[in-house]
């Protein structure tokens, strides 16, 4: 058996679990990020979304950066999570 395997990686988003990306885009717009398509598209993420996915920023940094992009300090962490 393979005793040297230490980690297994899974790509959940759109591979193992189906995602409704348009629903997410609509929700991000609802909470204030009108130009969400600049950061998310059908095949790629960029900016803070990519940084967060790659682990370059933590959740708190992502939330703060999201609020800055949306120019709204009143968006809650849970609203961002729900989007």
PDB file of N, CA and C in Angstrom:
ATOM      1  N   UNK A   1       0.847  -1.184   0.000  1.00  0.00           N
ATOM      2  CA  UNK A   1       0.000   0.000   0.000  1.00  0.00           C
ATOM      3  C   UNK A   1       0.883   1.234   0.000  1.00  0.00           C
ATOM      4  N   UNK A   2       0.307   2.390  -0.236  1.00  0.00           N
ATOM      5  CA  UNK A   2       1.035   3.652  -0.324  1.00  0.00           C
ATOM      6  C   UNK A   2       1.206   4.257   1.061  1.00  0.00           C
ATOM      7  N   UNK A   3       2.289   3.963   1.708  1.00  0.00           N
ATOM      8  CA  UNK A   3       2.501   4.448   3.073  1.00  0.00           C
ATOM      9  C   UNK A   3       3.184   5.810   3.128  1.00  0.00           C
ATOM     10  N   UNK A   4       3.674   6.308   2.004  1.00  0.00           N
ATOM     11  CA  UNK A   4       4.359   7.594   1.985  1.00  0.00           C
ATOM     12  C   UNK A   4       3.431   8.765   1.674  1.00  0.00           C
ATOM     13  N   UNK A   5       2.170   8.514   1.457  1.00  0.00           N
ATOM     14  CA  UNK A   5       1.227   9.590   1.149  1.00  0.00           C
ATOM     15  C   UNK A   5       0.911  10.352   2.430  1.00  0.00           C
ATOM     16  N   UNK A   6       1.136  11.669   2.384  1.00  0.00           N
ATOM     17  CA  UNK A   6       0.880  12.498   3.557  1.00  0.00           C
ATOM     18  C   UNK A   6      -0.373  13.345   3.399  1.00  0.00           C
ATOM     19  N   UNK A   7      -0.693  13.743   2.184  1.00  0.00           N
ATOM     20  CA  UNK A   7      -1.813  14.646   1.952  1.00  0.00           C
ATOM     21  C   UNK A   7      -2.574  14.237   0.701  1.00  0.00           C
ATOM     22  N   UNK A   8      -3.859  14.509   0.728  1.00  0.00           N
ATOM     23  CA  UNK A   8      -4.703  14.379  -0.453  1.00  0.00           C
ATOM     24  C   UNK A   8      -5.376  15.717  -0.673  1.00  0.00           C
ATOM     25  N   UNK A   9      -5.387  16.170  -1.897  1.00  0.00           N
ATOM     26  CA  UNK A   9      -6.015  17.439  -2.230  1.00  0.00           C
ATOM     27  C   UNK A   9      -7.263  17.174  -3.054  1.00  0.00           C
ATOM     28  N   UNK A  10      -8.305  17.917  -2.750  1.00  0.00           N
ATOM     29  CA  UNK A  10      -9.560  17.801  -3.481  1.00  0.00           C
ATOM     30  C   UNK A  10      -9.954  19.175  -3.994  1.00  0.00           C
ATOM     31  N   UNK A  11     -10.412  19.238  -5.205  1.00  0.00           N
ATOM     32  CA  UNK A  11     -10.929  20.474  -5.782  1.00  0.00           C
ATOM     33  C   UNK A  11     -12.448  20.388  -5.715  1.00  0.00           C
ATOM     34  N   UNK A  12     -13.025  20.991  -4.685  1.00  0.00           N
ATOM     35  CA  UNK A  12     -14.465  20.908  -4.490  1.00  0.00           C
ATOM     36  C   UNK A  12     -15.244  21.768  -5.470  1.00  0.00           C
ATOM     37  N   UNK A  13     -14.810  22.992  -5.650  1.00  0.00           N
ATOM     38  CA  UNK A  13     -15.576  23.971  -6.418  1.00  0.00           C
ATOM     39  C   UNK A  13     -15.737  23.628  -7.881  1.00  0.00           C
ATOM     40  N   UNK A  14     -16.879  23.103  -8.243  1.00  0.00           N
ATOM     41  CA  UNK A  14     -17.172  22.784  -9.629  1.00  0.00           C
ATOM     42  C   UNK A  14     -16.634  21.445 -10.076  1.00  0.00           C
ATOM     43  N   UNK A  15     -15.931  20.738  -9.194  1.00  0.00           N
ATOM     44  CA  UNK A  15     -15.390  19.426  -9.541  1.00  0.00           C
ATOM     45  C   UNK A  15     -16.137  18.356  -8.746  1.00  0.00           C
ATOM     46  N   UNK A  16     -15.992  18.369  -7.441  1.00  0.00           N
ATOM     47  CA  UNK A  16     -16.683  17.405  -6.584  1.00  0.00           C
ATOM     48  C   UNK A  16     -18.081  17.907  -6.245  1.00  0.00           C
ATOM     49  N   UNK A  17     -18.180  19.177  -5.938  1.00  0.00           N
ATOM     50  CA  UNK A  17     -19.466  19.794  -5.594  1.00  0.00           C
ATOM     51  C   UNK A  17     -19.842  20.794  -6.684  1.00  0.00           C
ATOM     52  N   UNK A  18     -21.054  20.725  -7.131  1.00  0.00           N
ATOM     53  CA  UNK A  18     -21.536  21.666  -8.141  1.00  0.00           C
ATOM     54  C   UNK A  18     -21.771  23.026  -7.497  1.00  0.00           C
ATOM     55  N   UNK A  19     -21.312  24.074  -8.180  1.00  0.00           N
ATOM     56  CA  UNK A  19     -21.492  25.428  -7.669  1.00  0.00           C
ATOM     57  C   UNK A  19     -22.334  26.235  -8.647  1.00  0.00           C
ATOM     58  N   UNK A  20     -23.206  27.054  -8.096  1.00  0.00           N
ATOM     59  CA  UNK A  20     -24.002  27.967  -8.918  1.00  0.00           C
ATOM     60  C   UNK A  20     -23.298  29.318  -8.879  1.00  0.00           C
ATOM     61  N   UNK A  21     -22.350  29.504  -9.790  1.00  0.00           N
ATOM     62  CA  UNK A  21     -21.527  30.714  -9.773  1.00  0.00           C
ATOM     63  C   UNK A  21     -22.350  31.972 -10.019  1.00  0.00           C
ATOM     64  N   UNK A  22     -23.359  31.876 -10.863  1.00  0.00           N
ATOM     65  CA  UNK A  22     -24.176  33.056 -11.130  1.00  0.00           C
ATOM     66  C   UNK A  22     -24.927  33.490  -9.884  1.00  0.00           C
ATOM     67  N   UNK A  23     -25.364  32.543  -9.099  1.00  0.00           N
ATOM     68  CA  UNK A  23     -26.036  32.863  -7.836  1.00  0.00           C
ATOM     69  C   UNK A  23     -25.081  33.589  -6.897  1.00  0.00           C
ATOM     70  N   UNK A  24     -23.837  33.132  -6.831  1.00  0.00           N
ATOM     71  CA  UNK A  24     -22.842  33.791  -5.990  1.00  0.00           C
ATOM     72  C   UNK A  24     -22.566  35.206  -6.497  1.00  0.00           C
ATOM     73  N   UNK A  25     -22.415  35.355  -7.803  1.00  0.00           N
ATOM     74  CA  UNK A  25     -22.177  36.678  -8.380  1.00  0.00           C
ATOM     75  C   UNK A  25     -23.333  37.617  -8.060  1.00  0.00           C
ATOM     76  N   UNK A  26     -24.552  37.121  -8.223  1.00  0.00           N
ATOM     77  CA  UNK A  26     -25.728  37.940  -7.907  1.00  0.00           C
ATOM     78  C   UNK A  26     -25.724  38.357  -6.436  1.00  0.00           C
ATOM     79  N   UNK A  27     -25.367  37.443  -5.567  1.00  0.00           N
ATOM     80  CA  UNK A  27     -25.357  37.736  -4.128  1.00  0.00           C
ATOM     81  C   UNK A  27     -24.277  38.756  -3.789  1.00  0.00           C
ATOM     82  N   UNK A  28     -23.096  38.619  -4.387  1.00  0.00           N
ATOM     83  CA  UNK A  28     -22.039  39.605  -4.147  1.00  0.00           C
ATOM     84  C   UNK A  28     -22.493  40.989  -4.601  1.00  0.00           C
ATOM     85  N   UNK A  29     -23.190  41.062  -5.708  1.00  0.00           N
ATOM     86  CA  UNK A  29     -23.719  42.349  -6.170  1.00  0.00           C
ATOM     87  C   UNK A  29     -24.744  42.899  -5.179  1.00  0.00           C
ATOM     88  N   UNK A  30     -25.595  42.020  -4.655  1.00  0.00           N
ATOM     89  CA  UNK A  30     -26.618  42.446  -3.693  1.00  0.00           C
ATOM     90  C   UNK A  30     -26.003  43.087  -2.454  1.00  0.00           C
ATOM     91  N   UNK A  31     -24.865  42.576  -2.016  1.00  0.00           N
ATOM     92  CA  UNK A  31     -24.267  43.123  -0.794  1.00  0.00           C
ATOM     93  C   UNK A  31     -23.278  44.247  -1.086  1.00  0.00           C
ATOM     94  N   UNK A  32     -23.135  44.617  -2.373  1.00  0.00           N
ATOM     95  CA  UNK A  32     -22.405  45.839  -2.647  1.00  0.00           C
ATOM     96  C   UNK A  32     -21.203  45.793  -3.562  1.00  0.00           C
ATOM     97  N   UNK A  33     -20.808  44.621  -4.043  1.00  0.00           N
ATOM     98  CA  UNK A  33     -19.649  44.566  -4.937  1.00  0.00           C
ATOM     99  C   UNK A  33     -20.148  44.452  -6.379  1.00  0.00           C
ATOM    100  N   UNK A  34     -20.465  45.609  -6.943  1.00  0.00           N
ATOM    101  CA  UNK A  34     -21.061  45.671  -8.280  1.00  0.00           C
ATOM    102  C   UNK A  34     -20.157  45.131  -9.376  1.00  0.00           C
ATOM    103  N   UNK A  35     -18.847  45.306  -9.233  1.00  0.00           N
ATOM    104  CA  UNK A  35     -17.925  44.870 -10.279  1.00  0.00           C
ATOM    105  C   UNK A  35     -17.323  43.490  -9.985  1.00  0.00           C
ATOM    106  N   UNK A  36     -18.096  42.607  -9.405  1.00  0.00           N
ATOM    107  CA  UNK A  36     -17.621  41.281  -9.024  1.00  0.00           C
ATOM    108  C   UNK A  36     -17.036  40.512 -10.209  1.00  0.00           C
ATOM    109  N   UNK A  37     -17.544  40.759 -11.416  1.00  0.00           N
ATOM    110  CA  UNK A  37     -17.038  40.047 -12.582  1.00  0.00           C
ATOM    111  C   UNK A  37     -15.566  40.366 -12.856  1.00  0.00           C
ATOM    112  N   UNK A  38     -15.058  41.469 -12.307  1.00  0.00           N
ATOM    113  CA  UNK A  38     -13.632  41.774 -12.436  1.00  0.00           C
ATOM    114  C   UNK A  38     -12.776  40.789 -11.635  1.00  0.00           C
ATOM    115  N   UNK A  39     -13.386  40.104 -10.680  1.00  0.00           N
ATOM    116  CA  UNK A  39     -12.653  39.207  -9.785  1.00  0.00           C
ATOM    117  C   UNK A  39     -13.034  37.737  -9.944  1.00  0.00           C
ATOM    118  N   UNK A  40     -14.237  37.486 -10.395  1.00  0.00           N
ATOM    119  CA  UNK A  40     -14.712  36.113 -10.575  1.00  0.00           C
ATOM    120  C   UNK A  40     -15.272  35.956 -11.981  1.00  0.00           C
ATOM    121  N   UNK A  41     -14.872  34.889 -12.626  1.00  0.00           N
ATOM    122  CA  UNK A  41     -15.513  34.557 -13.886  1.00  0.00           C
ATOM    123  C   UNK A  41     -15.673  33.045 -13.958  1.00  0.00           C
ATOM    124  N   UNK A  42     -16.107  32.564 -15.073  1.00  0.00           N
ATOM    125  CA  UNK A  42     -16.413  31.142 -15.223  1.00  0.00           C
ATOM    126  C   UNK A  42     -15.202  30.245 -14.951  1.00  0.00           C
ATOM    127  N   UNK A  43     -14.003  30.726 -15.251  1.00  0.00           N
ATOM    128  CA  UNK A  43     -12.832  29.854 -15.195  1.00  0.00           C
ATOM    129  C   UNK A  43     -11.746  30.287 -14.217  1.00  0.00           C
ATOM    130  N   UNK A  44     -11.800  31.513 -13.753  1.00  0.00           N
ATOM    131  CA  UNK A  44     -10.669  32.025 -12.978  1.00  0.00           C
ATOM    132  C   UNK A  44     -11.112  33.037 -11.931  1.00  0.00           C
ATOM    133  N   UNK A  45     -10.354  33.073 -10.858  1.00  0.00           N
ATOM    134  CA  UNK A  45     -10.529  34.089  -9.834  1.00  0.00           C
ATOM    135  C   UNK A  45      -9.300  34.980  -9.862  1.00  0.00           C
ATOM    136  N   UNK A  46      -9.464  36.210  -9.406  1.00  0.00           N
ATOM    137  CA  UNK A  46      -8.318  37.108  -9.325  1.00  0.00           C
ATOM    138  C   UNK A  46      -8.458  37.995  -8.096  1.00  0.00           C
ATOM    139  N   UNK A  47      -7.427  38.794  -7.858  1.00  0.00           N
ATOM    140  CA  UNK A  47      -7.463  39.712  -6.722  1.00  0.00           C
ATOM    141  C   UNK A  47      -7.607  38.986  -5.397  1.00  0.00           C
ATOM    142  N   UNK A  48      -8.408  39.559  -4.531  1.00  0.00           N
ATOM    143  CA  UNK A  48      -8.546  39.001  -3.176  1.00  0.00           C
ATOM    144  C   UNK A  48      -9.153  37.606  -3.176  1.00  0.00           C
ATOM    145  N   UNK A  49      -9.964  37.286  -4.164  1.00  0.00           N
ATOM    146  CA  UNK A  49     -10.574  35.959  -4.226  1.00  0.00           C
ATOM    147  C   UNK A  49      -9.518  34.884  -4.480  1.00  0.00           C
ATOM    148  N   UNK A  50      -8.596  35.168  -5.383  1.00  0.00           N
ATOM    149  CA  UNK A  50      -7.506  34.230  -5.654  1.00  0.00           C
ATOM    150  C   UNK A  50      -6.546  34.172  -4.474  1.00  0.00           C
ATOM    151  N   UNK A  51      -6.236  35.327  -3.899  1.00  0.00           N
ATOM    152  CA  UNK A  51      -5.338  35.355  -2.738  1.00  0.00           C
ATOM    153  C   UNK A  51      -5.906  34.527  -1.591  1.00  0.00           C
ATOM    154  N   UNK A  52      -7.201  34.627  -1.375  1.00  0.00           N
ATOM    155  CA  UNK A  52      -7.849  33.869  -0.297  1.00  0.00           C
ATOM    156  C   UNK A  52      -7.838  32.371  -0.609  1.00  0.00           C
ATOM    157  N   UNK A  53      -8.161  32.035  -1.843  1.00  0.00           N
ATOM    158  CA  UNK A  53      -8.167  30.619  -2.230  1.00  0.00           C
ATOM    159  C   UNK A  53      -6.782  29.995  -2.095  1.00  0.00           C
ATOM    160  N   UNK A  54      -5.755  30.752  -2.409  1.00  0.00           N
ATOM    161  CA  UNK A  54      -4.390  30.234  -2.347  1.00  0.00           C
ATOM    162  C   UNK A  54      -3.779  30.318  -0.953  1.00  0.00           C
ATOM    163  N   UNK A  55      -4.528  30.857   0.015  1.00  0.00           N
ATOM    164  CA  UNK A  55      -4.039  30.941   1.381  1.00  0.00           C
ATOM    165  C   UNK A  55      -3.069  32.088   1.611  1.00  0.00           C
ATOM    166  N   UNK A  56      -3.019  33.038   0.697  1.00  0.00           N
ATOM    167  CA  UNK A  56      -2.116  34.185   0.855  1.00  0.00           C
ATOM    168  C   UNK A  56      -2.668  35.216   1.827  1.00  0.00           C
ATOM    169  N   UNK A  57      -3.981  35.223   2.012  1.00  0.00           N
ATOM    170  CA  UNK A  57      -4.618  36.065   3.029  1.00  0.00           C
ATOM    171  C   UNK A  57      -5.577  35.197   3.818  1.00  0.00           C
ATOM    172  N   UNK A  58      -5.800  35.557   5.070  1.00  0.00           N
ATOM    173  CA  UNK A  58      -6.732  34.789   5.900  1.00  0.00           C
ATOM    174  C   UNK A  58      -8.145  35.366   5.766  1.00  0.00           C
ATOM    175  N   UNK A  59      -9.084  34.748   6.434  1.00  0.00           N
ATOM    176  CA  UNK A  59     -10.491  35.157   6.318  1.00  0.00           C
ATOM    177  C   UNK A  59     -10.687  36.610   6.748  1.00  0.00           C
ATOM    178  N   UNK A  60     -10.088  36.996   7.843  1.00  0.00           N
ATOM    179  CA  UNK A  60     -10.247  38.363   8.341  1.00  0.00           C
ATOM    180  C   UNK A  60      -9.723  39.378   7.327  1.00  0.00           C
ATOM    181  N   UNK A  61      -8.579  39.080   6.727  1.00  0.00           N
ATOM    182  CA  UNK A  61      -8.009  39.968   5.707  1.00  0.00           C
ATOM    183  C   UNK A  61      -8.906  40.023   4.469  1.00  0.00           C
ATOM    184  N   UNK A  62      -9.475  38.878   4.118  1.00  0.00           N
ATOM    185  CA  UNK A  62     -10.384  38.832   2.975  1.00  0.00           C
ATOM    186  C   UNK A  62     -11.619  39.693   3.235  1.00  0.00           C
ATOM    187  N   UNK A  63     -12.223  39.551   4.402  1.00  0.00           N
ATOM    188  CA  UNK A  63     -13.415  40.334   4.735  1.00  0.00           C
ATOM    189  C   UNK A  63     -13.117  41.831   4.665  1.00  0.00           C
ATOM    190  N   UNK A  64     -12.002  42.225   5.261  1.00  0.00           N
ATOM    191  CA  UNK A  64     -11.635  43.649   5.261  1.00  0.00           C
ATOM    192  C   UNK A  64     -11.393  44.157   3.837  1.00  0.00           C
ATOM    193  N   UNK A  65     -10.698  43.363   3.027  1.00  0.00           N
ATOM    194  CA  UNK A  65     -10.425  43.760   1.646  1.00  0.00           C
ATOM    195  C   UNK A  65     -11.714  43.807   0.830  1.00  0.00           C
ATOM    196  N   UNK A  66     -12.633  42.887   1.106  1.00  0.00           N
ATOM    197  CA  UNK A  66     -13.918  42.885   0.409  1.00  0.00           C
ATOM    198  C   UNK A  66     -14.687  44.166   0.713  1.00  0.00           C
ATOM    199  N   UNK A  67     -14.759  44.518   1.986  1.00  0.00           N
ATOM    200  CA  UNK A  67     -15.455  45.744   2.378  1.00  0.00           C
ATOM    201  C   UNK A  67     -14.834  46.974   1.719  1.00  0.00           C
ATOM    202  N   UNK A  68     -13.522  46.969   1.601  1.00  0.00           N
ATOM    203  CA  UNK A  68     -12.832  48.096   0.958  1.00  0.00           C
ATOM    204  C   UNK A  68     -13.203  48.152  -0.534  1.00  0.00           C
ATOM    205  N   UNK A  69     -13.207  46.993  -1.212  1.00  0.00           N
ATOM    206  CA  UNK A  69     -13.588  46.959  -2.628  1.00  0.00           C
ATOM    207  C   UNK A  69     -15.019  47.427  -2.830  1.00  0.00           C
ATOM    208  N   UNK A  70     -15.896  47.013  -1.919  1.00  0.00           N
ATOM    209  CA  UNK A  70     -17.313  47.379  -2.017  1.00  0.00           C
ATOM    210  C   UNK A  70     -17.571  48.799  -1.509  1.00  0.00           C
ATOM    211  N   UNK A  71     -16.550  49.391  -0.910  1.00  0.00           N
ATOM    212  CA  UNK A  71     -16.664  50.731  -0.333  1.00  0.00           C
ATOM    213  C   UNK A  71     -17.818  50.813   0.663  1.00  0.00           C
ATOM    214  N   UNK A  72     -17.881  49.786   1.525  1.00  0.00           N
ATOM    215  CA  UNK A  72     -18.941  49.722   2.528  1.00  0.00           C
ATOM    216  C   UNK A  72     -18.420  48.972   3.753  1.00  0.00           C
ATOM    217  N   UNK A  73     -18.145  49.695   4.815  1.00  0.00           N
ATOM    218  CA  UNK A  73     -17.634  49.085   6.044  1.00  0.00           C
ATOM    219  C   UNK A  73     -18.708  48.366   6.846  1.00  0.00           C
ATOM    220  N   UNK A  74     -19.963  48.465   6.435  1.00  0.00           N
ATOM    221  CA  UNK A  74     -21.066  47.876   7.198  1.00  0.00           C
ATOM    222  C   UNK A  74     -21.440  46.461   6.752  1.00  0.00           C
ATOM    223  N   UNK A  75     -20.768  45.920   5.742  1.00  0.00           N
ATOM    224  CA  UNK A  75     -21.071  44.552   5.296  1.00  0.00           C
ATOM    225  C   UNK A  75     -20.505  43.589   6.339  1.00  0.00           C
ATOM    226  N   UNK A  76     -21.363  42.696   6.814  1.00  0.00           N
ATOM    227  CA  UNK A  76     -20.921  41.762   7.867  1.00  0.00           C
ATOM    228  C   UNK A  76     -20.136  40.593   7.270  1.00  0.00           C
ATOM    229  N   UNK A  77     -19.335  39.970   8.115  1.00  0.00           N
ATOM    230  CA  UNK A  77     -18.605  38.776   7.690  1.00  0.00           C
ATOM    231  C   UNK A  77     -19.583  37.693   7.229  1.00  0.00           C
ATOM    232  N   UNK A  78     -20.703  37.566   7.939  1.00  0.00           N
ATOM    233  CA  UNK A  78     -21.666  36.518   7.575  1.00  0.00           C
ATOM    234  C   UNK A  78     -22.329  36.800   6.236  1.00  0.00           C
ATOM    235  N   UNK A  79     -22.536  38.081   5.904  1.00  0.00           N
ATOM    236  CA  UNK A  79     -23.076  38.415   4.582  1.00  0.00           C
ATOM    237  C   UNK A  79     -22.091  38.020   3.479  1.00  0.00           C
ATOM    238  N   UNK A  80     -20.817  38.273   3.712  1.00  0.00           N
ATOM    239  CA  UNK A  80     -19.797  37.889   2.744  1.00  0.00           C
ATOM    240  C   UNK A  80     -19.735  36.371   2.623  1.00  0.00           C
ATOM    241  N   UNK A  81     -19.787  35.667   3.745  1.00  0.00           N
ATOM    242  CA  UNK A  81     -19.794  34.210   3.710  1.00  0.00           C
ATOM    243  C   UNK A  81     -21.001  33.665   2.951  1.00  0.00           C
ATOM    244  N   UNK A  82     -22.155  34.271   3.153  1.00  0.00           N
ATOM    245  CA  UNK A  82     -23.360  33.749   2.487  1.00  0.00           C
ATOM    246  C   UNK A  82     -23.303  33.957   0.975  1.00  0.00           C
ATOM    247  N   UNK A  83     -22.593  34.990   0.557  1.00  0.00           N
ATOM    248  CA  UNK A  83     -22.443  35.222  -0.885  1.00  0.00           C
ATOM    249  C   UNK A  83     -21.526  34.181  -1.487  1.00  0.00           C
TER     250      UNK A  83
END
